[in-house]
Amino acid sequence: MGISRSDLILLGAVLAIIIFSIVITNLLQTEVLKRDVSTTENITPAIRSFSQIKTYGPVWNSDQWSCSSTGSFIIYGALRAVDENSMIEISVVKSGTQSLYELEPKKLETFSVGATDDTITITRTGTVTGFLTLHTTSDANASCTQP
C-alpha cells in the first residue's frame, strides 16, 4: 500500500499553502516594523499581521468544521472529494452569506474566505478530505472545531 500520486499532489499543495502563508505573514510583519512603531495598539486591524496560523485536517470526524476568531481572519482550504456528488457549503454566520460548491472527485480544490469577529462554517456532503488553515492576528482567540 504505497502513497498514491493524488496523495502526493495533495501533500504538495498543502505544503505550498503553508509556505505561502509563512511568507505572507513575514512580509506583513516586516511592513509593520518598517513603520517604526513601538506598539500595535494604534494600528488598524487591516495593517496588523496575521501571525497566528493554525492547520486542521485531513480527517473529518463529522460533516462540519466551525472556525471562529475574535479578530480578522482568513481560512484557506485545500480539499479533495473522494467520491461522486461530494459538495461543501461555506457559511459566514453574522453576514448571512452562504455558498455551495460541487467538488470533482479525486481533484484538489482550493478556496479562501475571510471575516472579522465571526464564525465560518464549512459543511461537507459526501466523502471529503483535506486541510484547513486559519490565519488571524496574534492577539485573537481563534480555532476550528468539529461539533
Protein backbone atom coordinates (compact mmCIF):
# COMPACT_ATOMS: atom_id res chain seq x y z
CA MET A 1 0.00 0.00 0.00
CA GLY A 2 2.16 2.86 -1.22
CA ILE A 3 1.46 6.53 -1.45
CA SER A 4 -0.66 7.37 -4.48
CA ARG A 5 0.04 10.19 -6.89
CA SER A 6 -3.05 12.12 -5.76
CA ASP A 7 -1.92 11.90 -2.13
CA LEU A 8 1.46 13.36 -3.09
CA ILE A 9 -0.24 16.17 -5.02
CA LEU A 10 -2.49 16.93 -2.03
CA LEU A 11 0.51 16.95 0.32
CA GLY A 12 2.45 19.22 -2.07
CA ALA A 13 -0.46 21.66 -2.31
CA VAL A 14 -0.86 21.81 1.46
CA LEU A 15 2.87 22.42 1.93
CA ALA A 16 2.73 25.17 -0.72
CA ILE A 17 -0.18 26.83 1.11
CA ILE A 18 1.69 26.68 4.43
CA ILE A 19 4.89 28.09 2.91
CA PHE A 20 2.89 30.82 1.14
CA SER A 21 1.21 31.67 4.46
CA ILE A 22 4.52 31.95 6.28
CA VAL A 23 5.98 34.19 3.55
CA ILE A 24 2.93 36.49 3.55
CA THR A 25 2.98 36.66 7.35
CA ASN A 26 6.65 37.64 7.35
CA LEU A 27 6.05 40.29 4.69
CA LEU A 28 3.19 41.77 6.70
CA GLN A 29 5.24 41.77 9.89
CA THR A 30 8.14 43.44 8.08
CA GLU A 31 5.79 46.16 6.84
CA VAL A 32 4.64 46.86 10.41
CA LEU A 33 8.25 47.02 11.62
CA LYS A 34 9.14 49.48 8.84
CA ARG A 35 6.57 51.88 10.28
CA ASP A 36 8.83 52.15 13.35
CA VAL A 37 6.09 51.95 15.93
CA SER A 38 6.69 50.68 19.43
CA THR A 39 3.19 49.26 19.79
CA THR A 40 0.50 47.88 17.53
CA GLU A 41 -2.35 49.36 19.59
CA ASN A 42 -2.87 52.29 17.20
CA ILE A 43 -2.51 50.20 14.04
CA THR A 44 -5.79 49.40 12.35
CA PRO A 45 -6.77 45.71 12.07
CA ALA A 46 -6.16 45.81 8.31
CA ILE A 47 -2.48 46.57 8.93
CA ARG A 48 -1.91 44.08 11.78
CA SER A 49 -0.22 40.92 10.60
CA PHE A 50 -1.85 37.51 10.58
CA SER A 51 0.90 35.98 12.69
CA GLN A 52 -1.21 33.21 14.24
CA ILE A 53 -1.52 30.25 11.86
CA LYS A 54 -3.34 27.00 12.70
CA THR A 55 -3.79 23.97 10.44
CA TYR A 56 -6.57 21.38 10.76
CA GLY A 57 -7.23 18.09 8.97
CA PRO A 58 -7.08 15.92 6.96
CA VAL A 59 -9.63 13.82 8.87
CA TRP A 60 -13.27 14.91 9.15
CA ASN A 61 -14.82 13.25 12.22
CA SER A 62 -18.16 14.90 11.48
CA ASP A 63 -19.72 16.61 8.47
CA GLN A 64 -18.85 20.11 9.64
CA TRP A 65 -15.97 22.39 10.65
CA SER A 66 -16.75 25.59 12.54
CA CYS A 67 -13.97 28.22 12.54
CA SER A 68 -14.10 31.47 14.51
CA SER A 69 -11.88 34.28 15.68
CA THR A 70 -12.22 37.36 17.86
CA GLY A 71 -10.25 39.32 15.24
CA SER A 72 -9.93 39.41 11.47
CA PHE A 73 -9.18 36.01 9.96
CA ILE A 74 -8.84 34.08 6.72
CA ILE A 75 -9.43 30.39 6.11
CA TYR A 76 -7.57 28.66 3.30
CA GLY A 77 -8.86 25.24 2.28
CA ALA A 78 -7.28 22.50 0.18
CA LEU A 79 -9.91 19.77 -0.17
CA ARG A 80 -10.43 16.69 -2.30
CA ALA A 81 -13.64 14.76 -2.93
CA VAL A 82 -13.20 11.01 -2.64
CA ASP A 83 -16.50 10.05 -4.29
CA GLU A 84 -19.12 11.37 -6.71
CA ASN A 85 -21.61 14.06 -5.66
CA SER A 86 -19.39 15.49 -2.92
CA MET A 87 -20.02 19.13 -2.05
CA ILE A 88 -19.02 21.73 0.50
CA GLU A 89 -21.16 24.54 1.83
CA ILE A 90 -19.41 27.61 3.25
CA SER A 91 -21.41 29.93 5.53
CA VAL A 92 -20.38 33.19 7.21
CA VAL A 93 -22.74 33.33 10.19
CA LYS A 94 -23.12 37.05 11.06
CA SER A 95 -23.28 38.30 7.47
CA GLY A 96 -25.67 35.51 6.47
CA THR A 97 -23.75 34.62 3.31
CA GLN A 98 -23.71 31.07 2.09
CA SER A 99 -22.14 29.30 -0.91
CA LEU A 100 -22.38 25.74 -2.20
CA TYR A 101 -19.57 24.16 -4.24
CA GLU A 102 -19.56 20.83 -6.05
CA LEU A 103 -16.22 19.05 -5.84
CA GLU A 104 -14.82 16.97 -8.70
CA PRO A 105 -13.84 13.50 -7.50
CA LYS A 106 -10.12 12.98 -6.83
CA LYS A 107 -9.20 16.57 -7.80
CA LEU A 108 -7.73 19.05 -5.38
CA GLU A 109 -9.97 22.09 -4.87
CA THR A 110 -8.82 25.23 -3.04
CA PHE A 111 -10.69 28.17 -1.57
CA SER A 112 -10.19 31.11 0.76
CA VAL A 113 -12.76 33.00 2.79
CA GLY A 114 -12.41 35.66 5.47
CA ALA A 115 -14.35 37.52 8.12
CA THR A 116 -13.90 39.68 11.22
CA ASP A 117 -15.10 38.60 14.68
CA ASP A 118 -17.38 35.97 13.16
CA THR A 119 -17.81 32.24 12.60
CA ILE A 120 -17.32 30.46 9.28
CA THR A 121 -18.90 27.04 8.91
CA ILE A 122 -17.75 24.51 6.29
CA THR A 123 -20.16 21.59 5.81
CA ARG A 124 -19.48 18.59 3.60
CA THR A 125 -21.78 16.27 1.70
CA GLY A 126 -20.17 13.01 0.63
CA THR A 127 -16.61 11.98 1.44
CA VAL A 128 -14.16 14.89 1.56
CA THR A 129 -10.59 15.03 2.85
CA GLY A 130 -8.03 17.82 3.07
CA PHE A 131 -6.68 20.63 5.19
CA LEU A 132 -7.97 23.94 6.53
CA THR A 133 -5.53 26.67 7.55
CA LEU A 134 -6.73 29.52 9.77
CA HIS A 135 -4.75 32.79 9.75
CA THR A 136 -5.51 35.51 12.30
CA THR A 137 -3.87 38.25 14.35
CA SER A 138 -1.65 37.28 17.28
CA ASP A 139 -3.99 38.83 19.85
CA ALA A 140 -7.11 36.99 18.63
CA ASN A 141 -8.73 33.95 20.19
CA ALA A 142 -9.26 31.60 17.24
CA SER A 143 -9.92 27.94 16.48
CA CYS A 144 -11.59 25.45 14.20
CA THR A 145 -13.66 22.69 15.76
CA GLN A 146 -15.87 19.82 14.69
CA PRO A 147 -19.16 19.75 16.58
